[in-house]
PDB file of all heavy atoms in Angstrom:
ATOM      1  N   LEU A   1     -25.179   0.359 -17.558  1.00  0.00           N
ATOM      2  CA  LEU A   1     -25.428   1.660 -16.947  1.00  0.00           C
ATOM      3  C   LEU A   1     -24.381   2.667 -17.398  1.00  0.00           C
ATOM      4  O   LEU A   1     -23.223   2.328 -17.563  1.00  0.00           O
ATOM      5  CB  LEU A   1     -25.382   1.549 -15.418  1.00  0.00           C
ATOM      6  CG  LEU A   1     -26.361   0.569 -14.770  1.00  0.00           C
ATOM      7  CD1 LEU A   1     -26.062   0.409 -13.281  1.00  0.00           C
ATOM      8  CD2 LEU A   1     -27.795   1.031 -14.982  1.00  0.00           C
ATOM      9  N   THR A   2     -24.815   3.907 -17.575  1.00  0.00           N
ATOM     10  CA  THR A   2     -23.901   4.994 -17.886  1.00  0.00           C
ATOM     11  C   THR A   2     -23.475   5.618 -16.562  1.00  0.00           C
ATOM     12  O   THR A   2     -24.311   5.830 -15.679  1.00  0.00           O
ATOM     13  CB  THR A   2     -24.600   6.054 -18.762  1.00  0.00           C
ATOM     14  OG1 THR A   2     -25.070   5.412 -19.943  1.00  0.00           O
ATOM     15  CG2 THR A   2     -23.663   7.177 -19.130  1.00  0.00           C
ATOM     16  N   GLN A   3     -22.182   5.907 -16.419  1.00  0.00           N
ATOM     17  CA  GLN A   3     -21.673   6.406 -15.148  1.00  0.00           C
ATOM     18  C   GLN A   3     -22.438   7.648 -14.693  1.00  0.00           C
ATOM     19  O   GLN A   3     -22.625   8.589 -15.449  1.00  0.00           O
ATOM     20  CB  GLN A   3     -20.183   6.717 -15.249  1.00  0.00           C
ATOM     21  CG  GLN A   3     -19.565   6.965 -13.899  1.00  0.00           C
ATOM     22  CD  GLN A   3     -18.046   6.967 -13.942  1.00  0.00           C
ATOM     23  OE1 GLN A   3     -17.450   6.827 -14.983  1.00  0.00           O
ATOM     24  NE2 GLN A   3     -17.440   7.152 -12.791  1.00  0.00           N
ATOM     25  N   HIS A   4     -22.906   7.613 -13.466  1.00  0.00           N
ATOM     26  CA  HIS A   4     -23.594   8.686 -12.753  1.00  0.00           C
ATOM     27  C   HIS A   4     -25.003   8.985 -13.268  1.00  0.00           C
ATOM     28  O   HIS A   4     -25.628   9.917 -12.798  1.00  0.00           O
ATOM     29  CB  HIS A   4     -22.758   9.963 -12.721  1.00  0.00           C
ATOM     30  CG  HIS A   4     -21.452   9.783 -12.029  1.00  0.00           C
ATOM     31  ND1 HIS A   4     -21.343   9.465 -10.694  1.00  0.00           N
ATOM     32  CD2 HIS A   4     -20.178   9.856 -12.486  1.00  0.00           C
ATOM     33  CE1 HIS A   4     -20.086   9.369 -10.364  1.00  0.00           C
ATOM     34  NE2 HIS A   4     -19.342   9.585 -11.425  1.00  0.00           N
ATOM     35  N   GLU A   5     -25.539   8.253 -14.237  1.00  0.00           N
ATOM     36  CA  GLU A   5     -26.938   8.399 -14.624  1.00  0.00           C
ATOM     37  C   GLU A   5     -27.724   7.302 -13.942  1.00  0.00           C
ATOM     38  O   GLU A   5     -27.297   6.157 -13.892  1.00  0.00           O
ATOM     39  CB  GLU A   5     -27.096   8.313 -16.148  1.00  0.00           C
ATOM     40  CG  GLU A   5     -26.557   9.521 -16.872  1.00  0.00           C
ATOM     41  CD  GLU A   5     -26.854   9.478 -18.357  1.00  0.00           C
ATOM     42  OE1 GLU A   5     -27.828   8.821 -18.769  1.00  0.00           O
ATOM     43  OE2 GLU A   5     -26.100  10.094 -19.112  1.00  0.00           O
ATOM     44  N   SER A   6     -28.881   7.654 -13.401  1.00  0.00           N
ATOM     45  CA  SER A   6     -29.647   6.706 -12.602  1.00  0.00           C
ATOM     46  C   SER A   6     -30.701   5.980 -13.422  1.00  0.00           C
ATOM     47  O   SER A   6     -31.357   6.569 -14.280  1.00  0.00           O
ATOM     48  CB  SER A   6     -30.339   7.433 -11.446  1.00  0.00           C
ATOM     49  OG  SER A   6     -29.379   7.929 -10.556  1.00  0.00           O
ATOM     50  N   LEU A   7     -30.856   4.693 -13.127  1.00  0.00           N
ATOM     51  CA  LEU A   7     -31.933   3.877 -13.680  1.00  0.00           C
ATOM     52  C   LEU A   7     -32.892   3.587 -12.528  1.00  0.00           C
ATOM     53  O   LEU A   7     -32.568   2.800 -11.633  1.00  0.00           O
ATOM     54  CB  LEU A   7     -31.377   2.563 -14.258  1.00  0.00           C
ATOM     55  CG  LEU A   7     -32.395   1.539 -14.735  1.00  0.00           C
ATOM     56  CD1 LEU A   7     -33.200   2.080 -15.907  1.00  0.00           C
ATOM     57  CD2 LEU A   7     -31.680   0.255 -15.124  1.00  0.00           C
ATOM     58  N   PRO A   8     -34.052   4.260 -12.498  1.00  0.00           N
ATOM     59  CA  PRO A   8     -34.991   4.045 -11.396  1.00  0.00           C
ATOM     60  C   PRO A   8     -35.553   2.617 -11.417  1.00  0.00           C
ATOM     61  O   PRO A   8     -35.916   2.100 -12.464  1.00  0.00           O
ATOM     62  CB  PRO A   8     -36.105   5.055 -11.654  1.00  0.00           C
ATOM     63  CG  PRO A   8     -35.567   6.001 -12.673  1.00  0.00           C
ATOM     64  CD  PRO A   8     -34.519   5.264 -13.442  1.00  0.00           C
ATOM     65  N   ILE A   9     -35.611   1.992 -10.247  1.00  0.00           N
ATOM     66  CA  ILE A   9     -36.192   0.658 -10.099  1.00  0.00           C
ATOM     67  C   ILE A   9     -37.541   0.784  -9.399  1.00  0.00           C
ATOM     68  O   ILE A   9     -38.564   0.408  -9.951  1.00  0.00           O
ATOM     69  CB  ILE A   9     -35.243  -0.277  -9.302  1.00  0.00           C
ATOM     70  CG1 ILE A   9     -33.877  -0.359  -9.976  1.00  0.00           C
ATOM     71  CG2 ILE A   9     -35.861  -1.656  -9.121  1.00  0.00           C
ATOM     72  CD1 ILE A   9     -33.898  -0.906 -11.394  1.00  0.00           C
ATOM     73  N   ILE A  10     -37.529   1.282  -8.176  1.00  0.00           N
ATOM     74  CA  ILE A  10     -38.737   1.620  -7.421  1.00  0.00           C
ATOM     75  C   ILE A  10     -38.424   2.896  -6.652  1.00  0.00           C
ATOM     76  O   ILE A  10     -37.264   3.309  -6.581  1.00  0.00           O
ATOM     77  CB  ILE A  10     -39.159   0.492  -6.442  1.00  0.00           C
ATOM     78  CG1 ILE A  10     -38.033   0.184  -5.446  1.00  0.00           C
ATOM     79  CG2 ILE A  10     -39.588  -0.757  -7.184  1.00  0.00           C
ATOM     80  CD1 ILE A  10     -38.416  -0.763  -4.332  1.00  0.00           C
ATOM     81  N   SER A  11     -39.439   3.493  -6.066  1.00  0.00           N
ATOM     82  CA  SER A  11     -39.203   4.691  -5.266  1.00  0.00           C
ATOM     83  C   SER A  11     -38.243   4.348  -4.134  1.00  0.00           C
ATOM     84  O   SER A  11     -38.492   3.442  -3.344  1.00  0.00           O
ATOM     85  CB  SER A  11     -40.521   5.211  -4.700  1.00  0.00           C
ATOM     86  OG  SER A  11     -40.279   6.355  -3.914  1.00  0.00           O
ATOM     87  N   GLY A  12     -37.122   5.050  -4.094  1.00  0.00           N
ATOM     88  CA  GLY A  12     -36.122   4.802  -3.065  1.00  0.00           C
ATOM     89  C   GLY A  12     -34.997   3.900  -3.507  1.00  0.00           C
ATOM     90  O   GLY A  12     -34.077   3.640  -2.732  1.00  0.00           O
ATOM     91  N   LEU A  13     -35.031   3.413  -4.748  1.00  0.00           N
ATOM     92  CA  LEU A  13     -33.978   2.523  -5.238  1.00  0.00           C
ATOM     93  C   LEU A  13     -33.704   2.788  -6.711  1.00  0.00           C
ATOM     94  O   LEU A  13     -34.580   2.604  -7.562  1.00  0.00           O
ATOM     95  CB  LEU A  13     -34.362   1.054  -5.046  1.00  0.00           C
ATOM     96  CG  LEU A  13     -33.374   0.025  -5.585  1.00  0.00           C
ATOM     97  CD1 LEU A  13     -32.048   0.098  -4.830  1.00  0.00           C
ATOM     98  CD2 LEU A  13     -33.958  -1.374  -5.486  1.00  0.00           C
ATOM     99  N   ASP A  14     -32.505   3.238  -6.993  1.00  0.00           N
ATOM    100  CA  ASP A  14     -32.030   3.422  -8.366  1.00  0.00           C
ATOM    101  C   ASP A  14     -30.767   2.593  -8.556  1.00  0.00           C
ATOM    102  O   ASP A  14     -30.121   2.189  -7.591  1.00  0.00           O
ATOM    103  CB  ASP A  14     -31.664   4.895  -8.635  1.00  0.00           C
ATOM    104  CG  ASP A  14     -32.857   5.821  -8.664  1.00  0.00           C
ATOM    105  OD1 ASP A  14     -34.007   5.335  -8.632  1.00  0.00           O
ATOM    106  OD2 ASP A  14     -32.631   7.050  -8.698  1.00  0.00           O
ATOM    107  N   LEU A  15     -30.422   2.382  -9.796  1.00  0.00           N
ATOM    108  CA  LEU A  15     -29.124   1.798 -10.139  1.00  0.00           C
ATOM    109  C   LEU A  15     -28.303   2.902 -10.768  1.00  0.00           C
ATOM    110  O   LEU A  15     -28.715   3.507 -11.759  1.00  0.00           O
ATOM    111  CB  LEU A  15     -29.291   0.609 -11.086  1.00  0.00           C
ATOM    112  CG  LEU A  15     -30.115  -0.556 -10.540  1.00  0.00           C
ATOM    113  CD1 LEU A  15     -30.203  -1.677 -11.563  1.00  0.00           C
ATOM    114  CD2 LEU A  15     -29.547  -1.083  -9.240  1.00  0.00           C
ATOM    115  N   THR A  16     -27.149   3.191 -10.177  1.00  0.00           N
ATOM    116  CA  THR A  16     -26.294   4.293 -10.608  1.00  0.00           C
ATOM    117  C   THR A  16     -24.847   3.811 -10.585  1.00  0.00           C
ATOM    118  O   THR A  16     -24.327   3.475  -9.527  1.00  0.00           O
ATOM    119  CB  THR A  16     -26.448   5.500  -9.656  1.00  0.00           C
ATOM    120  OG1 THR A  16     -27.823   5.843  -9.556  1.00  0.00           O
ATOM    121  CG2 THR A  16     -25.644   6.686 -10.139  1.00  0.00           C
ATOM    122  N   LEU A  17     -24.195   3.773 -11.728  1.00  0.00           N
ATOM    123  CA  LEU A  17     -22.819   3.282 -11.814  1.00  0.00           C
ATOM    124  C   LEU A  17     -21.834   4.323 -11.298  1.00  0.00           C
ATOM    125  O   LEU A  17     -21.830   5.469 -11.746  1.00  0.00           O
ATOM    126  CB  LEU A  17     -22.475   2.927 -13.264  1.00  0.00           C
ATOM    127  CG  LEU A  17     -21.057   2.415 -13.521  1.00  0.00           C
ATOM    128  CD1 LEU A  17     -20.836   1.078 -12.811  1.00  0.00           C
ATOM    129  CD2 LEU A  17     -20.823   2.266 -15.023  1.00  0.00           C
ATOM    130  N   THR A  18     -21.014   3.908 -10.327  1.00  0.00           N
ATOM    131  CA  THR A  18     -19.921   4.743  -9.830  1.00  0.00           C
ATOM    132  C   THR A  18     -18.704   3.847  -9.606  1.00  0.00           C
ATOM    133  O   THR A  18     -18.825   2.623  -9.532  1.00  0.00           O
ATOM    134  CB  THR A  18     -20.278   5.452  -8.502  1.00  0.00           C
ATOM    135  OG1 THR A  18     -20.491   4.472  -7.496  1.00  0.00           O
ATOM    136  CG2 THR A  18     -21.497   6.326  -8.636  1.00  0.00           C
ATOM    137  N   PHE A  19     -17.549   4.473  -9.509  1.00  0.00           N
ATOM    138  CA  PHE A  19     -16.309   3.765  -9.210  1.00  0.00           C
ATOM    139  C   PHE A  19     -15.703   4.385  -7.957  1.00  0.00           C
ATOM    140  O   PHE A  19     -15.311   5.550  -7.968  1.00  0.00           O
ATOM    141  CB  PHE A  19     -15.327   3.842 -10.386  1.00  0.00           C
ATOM    142  CG  PHE A  19     -15.815   3.115 -11.593  1.00  0.00           C
ATOM    143  CD1 PHE A  19     -16.621   3.750 -12.528  1.00  0.00           C
ATOM    144  CD2 PHE A  19     -15.488   1.778 -11.791  1.00  0.00           C
ATOM    145  CE1 PHE A  19     -17.092   3.068 -13.640  1.00  0.00           C
ATOM    146  CE2 PHE A  19     -15.960   1.095 -12.906  1.00  0.00           C
ATOM    147  CZ  PHE A  19     -16.761   1.739 -13.831  1.00  0.00           C
ATOM    148  N   ASN A  20     -15.652   3.618  -6.889  1.00  0.00           N
ATOM    149  CA  ASN A  20     -15.173   4.090  -5.593  1.00  0.00           C
ATOM    150  C   ASN A  20     -13.677   3.817  -5.465  1.00  0.00           C
ATOM    151  O   ASN A  20     -13.252   2.672  -5.442  1.00  0.00           O
ATOM    152  CB  ASN A  20     -15.955   3.384  -4.482  1.00  0.00           C
ATOM    153  CG  ASN A  20     -15.467   3.731  -3.103  1.00  0.00           C
ATOM    154  OD1 ASN A  20     -14.606   4.579  -2.922  1.00  0.00           O
ATOM    155  ND2 ASN A  20     -16.020   3.056  -2.111  1.00  0.00           N
ATOM    156  N   ARG A  21     -12.877   4.879  -5.345  1.00  0.00           N
ATOM    157  CA  ARG A  21     -11.429   4.744  -5.211  1.00  0.00           C
ATOM    158  C   ARG A  21     -10.969   4.728  -3.755  1.00  0.00           C
ATOM    159  O   ARG A  21      -9.802   4.562  -3.465  1.00  0.00           O
ATOM    160  CB  ARG A  21     -10.726   5.872  -5.964  1.00  0.00           C
ATOM    161  CG  ARG A  21     -10.894   5.754  -7.461  1.00  0.00           C
ATOM    162  CD  ARG A  21     -10.237   6.909  -8.200  1.00  0.00           C
ATOM    163  NE  ARG A  21      -8.837   7.113  -7.894  1.00  0.00           N
ATOM    164  CZ  ARG A  21      -7.816   6.463  -8.461  1.00  0.00           C
ATOM    165  NH1 ARG A  21      -8.063   5.536  -9.366  1.00  0.00           N
ATOM    166  NH2 ARG A  21      -6.575   6.757  -8.134  1.00  0.00           N
ATOM    167  N   GLY A  22     -11.910   4.909  -2.828  1.00  0.00           N
ATOM    168  CA  GLY A  22     -11.562   4.945  -1.412  1.00  0.00           C
ATOM    169  C   GLY A  22     -12.015   3.679  -0.697  1.00  0.00           C
ATOM    170  O   GLY A  22     -12.077   2.603  -1.277  1.00  0.00           O
ATOM    171  N   LEU A  23     -12.334   3.854   0.573  1.00  0.00           N
ATOM    172  CA  LEU A  23     -12.871   2.767   1.377  1.00  0.00           C
ATOM    173  C   LEU A  23     -14.388   2.778   1.263  1.00  0.00           C
ATOM    174  O   LEU A  23     -14.932   3.428   0.376  1.00  0.00           O
ATOM    175  CB  LEU A  23     -12.421   2.939   2.835  1.00  0.00           C
ATOM    176  CG  LEU A  23     -10.911   2.911   3.082  1.00  0.00           C
ATOM    177  CD1 LEU A  23     -10.604   3.240   4.537  1.00  0.00           C
ATOM    178  CD2 LEU A  23     -10.329   1.561   2.721  1.00  0.00           C
ATOM    179  N   SER A  24     -15.053   2.119   2.164  1.00  0.00           N
ATOM    180  CA  SER A  24     -16.519   2.109   2.161  1.00  0.00           C
ATOM    181  C   SER A  24     -17.059   3.530   2.085  1.00  0.00           C
ATOM    182  O   SER A  24     -16.569   4.424   2.775  1.00  0.00           O
ATOM    183  CB  SER A  24     -17.036   1.446   3.432  1.00  0.00           C
ATOM    184  OG  SER A  24     -16.609   0.110   3.501  1.00  0.00           O
ATOM    185  N   TRP A  25     -18.074   3.715   1.258  1.00  0.00           N
ATOM    186  CA  TRP A  25     -18.740   4.999   1.081  1.00  0.00           C
ATOM    187  C   TRP A  25     -17.795   6.097   0.615  1.00  0.00           C
ATOM    188  O   TRP A  25     -17.971   7.267   0.934  1.00  0.00           O
ATOM    189  CB  TRP A  25     -19.474   5.416   2.355  1.00  0.00           C
ATOM    190  CG  TRP A  25     -20.377   4.364   2.870  1.00  0.00           C
ATOM    191  CD1 TRP A  25     -21.344   3.687   2.172  1.00  0.00           C
ATOM    192  CD2 TRP A  25     -20.390   3.808   4.179  1.00  0.00           C
ATOM    193  NE1 TRP A  25     -21.951   2.759   2.972  1.00  0.00           N
ATOM    194  CE2 TRP A  25     -21.393   2.816   4.211  1.00  0.00           C
ATOM    195  CE3 TRP A  25     -19.663   4.060   5.329  1.00  0.00           C
ATOM    196  CZ2 TRP A  25     -21.670   2.089   5.344  1.00  0.00           C
ATOM    197  CZ3 TRP A  25     -19.950   3.329   6.463  1.00  0.00           C
ATOM    198  CH2 TRP A  25     -20.943   2.359   6.457  1.00  0.00           C
ATOM    199  N   SER A  26     -16.756   5.720  -0.100  1.00  0.00           N
ATOM    200  CA  SER A  26     -15.771   6.648  -0.666  1.00  0.00           C
ATOM    201  C   SER A  26     -14.956   7.401   0.377  1.00  0.00           C
ATOM    202  O   SER A  26     -14.341   8.423   0.077  1.00  0.00           O
ATOM    203  CB  SER A  26     -16.437   7.639  -1.624  1.00  0.00           C
ATOM    204  OG  SER A  26     -16.960   6.958  -2.737  1.00  0.00           O
ATOM    205  N   ILE A  27     -14.927   6.891   1.604  1.00  0.00           N
ATOM    206  CA  ILE A  27     -14.078   7.492   2.634  1.00  0.00           C
ATOM    207  C   ILE A  27     -12.622   7.344   2.186  1.00  0.00           C
ATOM    208  O   ILE A  27     -12.219   6.312   1.676  1.00  0.00           O
ATOM    209  CB  ILE A  27     -14.301   6.801   3.989  1.00  0.00           C
ATOM    210  CG1 ILE A  27     -15.735   7.025   4.462  1.00  0.00           C
ATOM    211  CG2 ILE A  27     -13.302   7.286   5.034  1.00  0.00           C
ATOM    212  CD1 ILE A  27     -16.119   6.189   5.669  1.00  0.00           C
ATOM    213  N   LEU A  28     -11.825   8.365   2.378  1.00  0.00           N
ATOM    214  CA  LEU A  28     -10.406   8.399   2.004  1.00  0.00           C
ATOM    215  C   LEU A  28     -10.200   8.225   0.494  1.00  0.00           C
ATOM    216  O   LEU A  28      -9.238   7.627   0.051  1.00  0.00           O
ATOM    217  CB  LEU A  28      -9.605   7.338   2.769  1.00  0.00           C
ATOM    218  CG  LEU A  28      -9.621   7.442   4.288  1.00  0.00           C
ATOM    219  CD1 LEU A  28      -8.844   6.282   4.905  1.00  0.00           C
ATOM    220  CD2 LEU A  28      -9.049   8.769   4.755  1.00  0.00           C
ATOM    221  N   SER A  29     -11.102   8.768  -0.280  1.00  0.00           N
ATOM    222  CA  SER A  29     -10.995   8.690  -1.734  1.00  0.00           C
ATOM    223  C   SER A  29     -10.276   9.929  -2.267  1.00  0.00           C
ATOM    224  O   SER A  29     -10.691  11.062  -2.012  1.00  0.00           O
ATOM    225  CB  SER A  29     -12.390   8.596  -2.353  1.00  0.00           C
ATOM    226  OG  SER A  29     -12.300   8.484  -3.748  1.00  0.00           O
ATOM    227  N   PHE A  30      -9.178   9.697  -2.984  1.00  0.00           N
ATOM    228  CA  PHE A  30      -8.397  10.775  -3.576  1.00  0.00           C
ATOM    229  C   PHE A  30      -8.061  10.397  -5.013  1.00  0.00           C
ATOM    230  O   PHE A  30      -8.079   9.232  -5.383  1.00  0.00           O
ATOM    231  CB  PHE A  30      -7.103  11.009  -2.789  1.00  0.00           C
ATOM    232  CG  PHE A  30      -7.336  11.438  -1.364  1.00  0.00           C
ATOM    233  CD1 PHE A  30      -7.277  10.519  -0.333  1.00  0.00           C
ATOM    234  CD2 PHE A  30      -7.614  12.759  -1.068  1.00  0.00           C
ATOM    235  CE1 PHE A  30      -7.496  10.903   0.981  1.00  0.00           C
ATOM    236  CE2 PHE A  30      -7.829  13.154   0.245  1.00  0.00           C
ATOM    237  CZ  PHE A  30      -7.769  12.236   1.270  1.00  0.00           C
ATOM    238  N   ASP A  31      -7.712  11.383  -5.819  1.00  0.00           N
ATOM    239  CA  ASP A  31      -7.350  11.140  -7.213  1.00  0.00           C
ATOM    240  C   ASP A  31      -5.920  10.639  -7.379  1.00  0.00           C
ATOM    241  O   ASP A  31      -5.558  10.136  -8.435  1.00  0.00           O
ATOM    242  CB  ASP A  31      -7.528  12.414  -8.047  1.00  0.00           C
ATOM    243  CG  ASP A  31      -8.998  12.755  -8.246  1.00  0.00           C
ATOM    244  OD1 ASP A  31      -9.830  11.835  -8.214  1.00  0.00           O
ATOM    245  OD2 ASP A  31      -9.307  13.947  -8.427  1.00  0.00           O
ATOM    246  N   SER A  32      -5.115  10.748  -6.348  1.00  0.00           N
ATOM    247  CA  SER A  32      -3.700  10.383  -6.420  1.00  0.00           C
ATOM    248  C   SER A  32      -3.522   8.891  -6.724  1.00  0.00           C
ATOM    249  O   SER A  32      -4.043   8.031  -6.023  1.00  0.00           O
ATOM    250  CB  SER A  32      -3.011  10.699  -5.086  1.00  0.00           C
ATOM    251  OG  SER A  32      -1.743  10.083  -5.016  1.00  0.00           O
ATOM    252  N   THR A  33      -2.769   8.596  -7.786  1.00  0.00           N
ATOM    253  CA  THR A  33      -2.485   7.214  -8.149  1.00  0.00           C
ATOM    254  C   THR A  33      -1.631   6.534  -7.084  1.00  0.00           C
ATOM    255  O   THR A  33      -1.853   5.367  -6.756  1.00  0.00           O
ATOM    256  CB  THR A  33      -1.765   7.163  -9.511  1.00  0.00           C
ATOM    257  OG1 THR A  33      -2.590   7.820 -10.480  1.00  0.00           O
ATOM    258  CG2 THR A  33      -1.509   5.748  -9.960  1.00  0.00           C
ATOM    259  N   THR A  34      -0.678   7.267  -6.541  1.00  0.00           N
ATOM    260  CA  THR A  34       0.177   6.706  -5.488  1.00  0.00           C
ATOM    261  C   THR A  34      -0.658   6.333  -4.265  1.00  0.00           C
ATOM    262  O   THR A  34      -0.532   5.235  -3.721  1.00  0.00           O
ATOM    263  CB  THR A  34       1.274   7.709  -5.094  1.00  0.00           C
ATOM    264  OG1 THR A  34       2.039   8.029  -6.255  1.00  0.00           O
ATOM    265  CG2 THR A  34       2.181   7.147  -4.013  1.00  0.00           C
ATOM    266  N   TYR A  35      -1.487   7.267  -3.816  1.00  0.00           N
ATOM    267  CA  TYR A  35      -2.335   7.012  -2.660  1.00  0.00           C
ATOM    268  C   TYR A  35      -3.259   5.819  -2.927  1.00  0.00           C
ATOM    269  O   TYR A  35      -3.440   4.960  -2.066  1.00  0.00           O
ATOM    270  CB  TYR A  35      -3.146   8.255  -2.307  1.00  0.00           C
ATOM    271  CG  TYR A  35      -4.061   8.028  -1.135  1.00  0.00           C
ATOM    272  CD1 TYR A  35      -3.571   8.043   0.166  1.00  0.00           C
ATOM    273  CD2 TYR A  35      -5.410   7.763  -1.330  1.00  0.00           C
ATOM    274  CE1 TYR A  35      -4.393   7.808   1.245  1.00  0.00           C
ATOM    275  CE2 TYR A  35      -6.245   7.523  -0.255  1.00  0.00           C
ATOM    276  CZ  TYR A  35      -5.731   7.552   1.027  1.00  0.00           C
ATOM    277  OH  TYR A  35      -6.559   7.304   2.083  1.00  0.00           O
ATOM    278  N   PHE A  36      -3.842   5.767  -4.117  1.00  0.00           N
ATOM    279  CA  PHE A  36      -4.726   4.655  -4.478  1.00  0.00           C
ATOM    280  C   PHE A  36      -3.969   3.330  -4.421  1.00  0.00           C
ATOM    281  O   PHE A  36      -4.482   2.333  -3.902  1.00  0.00           O
ATOM    282  CB  PHE A  36      -5.308   4.873  -5.880  1.00  0.00           C
ATOM    283  CG  PHE A  36      -6.179   3.746  -6.351  1.00  0.00           C
ATOM    284  CD1 PHE A  36      -7.473   3.601  -5.872  1.00  0.00           C
ATOM    285  CD2 PHE A  36      -5.696   2.821  -7.263  1.00  0.00           C
ATOM    286  CE1 PHE A  36      -8.275   2.553  -6.304  1.00  0.00           C
ATOM    287  CE2 PHE A  36      -6.495   1.774  -7.696  1.00  0.00           C
ATOM    288  CZ  PHE A  36      -7.786   1.641  -7.214  1.00  0.00           C
ATOM    289  N   GLY A  37      -2.740   3.299  -4.917  1.00  0.00           N
ATOM    290  CA  GLY A  37      -1.935   2.078  -4.888  1.00  0.00           C
ATOM    291  C   GLY A  37      -1.603   1.639  -3.471  1.00  0.00           C
ATOM    292  O   GLY A  37      -1.687   0.456  -3.136  1.00  0.00           O
ATOM    293  N   VAL A  38      -1.247   2.608  -2.620  1.00  0.00           N
ATOM    294  CA  VAL A  38      -0.937   2.292  -1.221  1.00  0.00           C
ATOM    295  C   VAL A  38      -2.190   1.785  -0.511  1.00  0.00           C
ATOM    296  O   VAL A  38      -2.143   0.781   0.216  1.00  0.00           O
ATOM    297  CB  VAL A  38      -0.346   3.532  -0.499  1.00  0.00           C
ATOM    298  CG1 VAL A  38      -0.274   3.315   1.001  1.00  0.00           C
ATOM    299  CG2 VAL A  38       1.028   3.865  -1.074  1.00  0.00           C
ATOM    300  N   LEU A  39      -3.308   2.452  -0.719  1.00  0.00           N
ATOM    301  CA  LEU A  39      -4.565   2.031  -0.102  1.00  0.00           C
ATOM    302  C   LEU A  39      -4.970   0.642  -0.575  1.00  0.00           C
ATOM    303  O   LEU A  39      -5.384  -0.211   0.223  1.00  0.00           O
ATOM    304  CB  LEU A  39      -5.674   3.038  -0.401  1.00  0.00           C
ATOM    305  CG  LEU A  39      -7.027   2.773   0.259  1.00  0.00           C
ATOM    306  CD1 LEU A  39      -6.910   2.765   1.775  1.00  0.00           C
ATOM    307  CD2 LEU A  39      -8.045   3.813  -0.189  1.00  0.00           C
ATOM    308  N   THR A  40      -4.812   0.371  -1.861  1.00  0.00           N
ATOM    309  CA  THR A  40      -5.150  -0.940  -2.414  1.00  0.00           C
ATOM    310  C   THR A  40      -4.253  -2.030  -1.823  1.00  0.00           C
ATOM    311  O   THR A  40      -4.740  -3.110  -1.468  1.00  0.00           O
ATOM    312  CB  THR A  40      -5.050  -0.914  -3.953  1.00  0.00           C
ATOM    313  OG1 THR A  40      -5.992   0.048  -4.449  1.00  0.00           O
ATOM    314  CG2 THR A  40      -5.349  -2.264  -4.563  1.00  0.00           C
ATOM    315  N   ALA A  41      -2.955  -1.745  -1.693  1.00  0.00           N
ATOM    316  CA  ALA A  41      -2.041  -2.717  -1.078  1.00  0.00           C
ATOM    317  C   ALA A  41      -2.422  -2.968   0.378  1.00  0.00           C
ATOM    318  O   ALA A  41      -2.414  -4.114   0.849  1.00  0.00           O
ATOM    319  CB  ALA A  41      -0.597  -2.223  -1.177  1.00  0.00           C
ATOM    320  N   PHE A  42      -2.764  -1.911   1.095  1.00  0.00           N
ATOM    321  CA  PHE A  42      -3.191  -2.038   2.489  1.00  0.00           C
ATOM    322  C   PHE A  42      -4.448  -2.901   2.587  1.00  0.00           C
ATOM    323  O   PHE A  42      -4.539  -3.789   3.437  1.00  0.00           O
ATOM    324  CB  PHE A  42      -3.432  -0.649   3.093  1.00  0.00           C
ATOM    325  CG  PHE A  42      -3.940  -0.690   4.502  1.00  0.00           C
ATOM    326  CD1 PHE A  42      -3.104  -1.023   5.560  1.00  0.00           C
ATOM    327  CD2 PHE A  42      -5.270  -0.386   4.772  1.00  0.00           C
ATOM    328  CE1 PHE A  42      -3.579  -1.064   6.859  1.00  0.00           C
ATOM    329  CE2 PHE A  42      -5.751  -0.422   6.071  1.00  0.00           C
ATOM    330  CZ  PHE A  42      -4.909  -0.765   7.115  1.00  0.00           C
TER     331      PHE A  42
END
């Protein structure tokens, strides 16, 4: 998969490559490397 391009499977379901740097559903996702490291350690 190419990042952020969707591959349709059926109506209501696609495959879309993303990388989540936060918690579930990208909650608390920031670009900061320090924050990412602290969150990952936690």
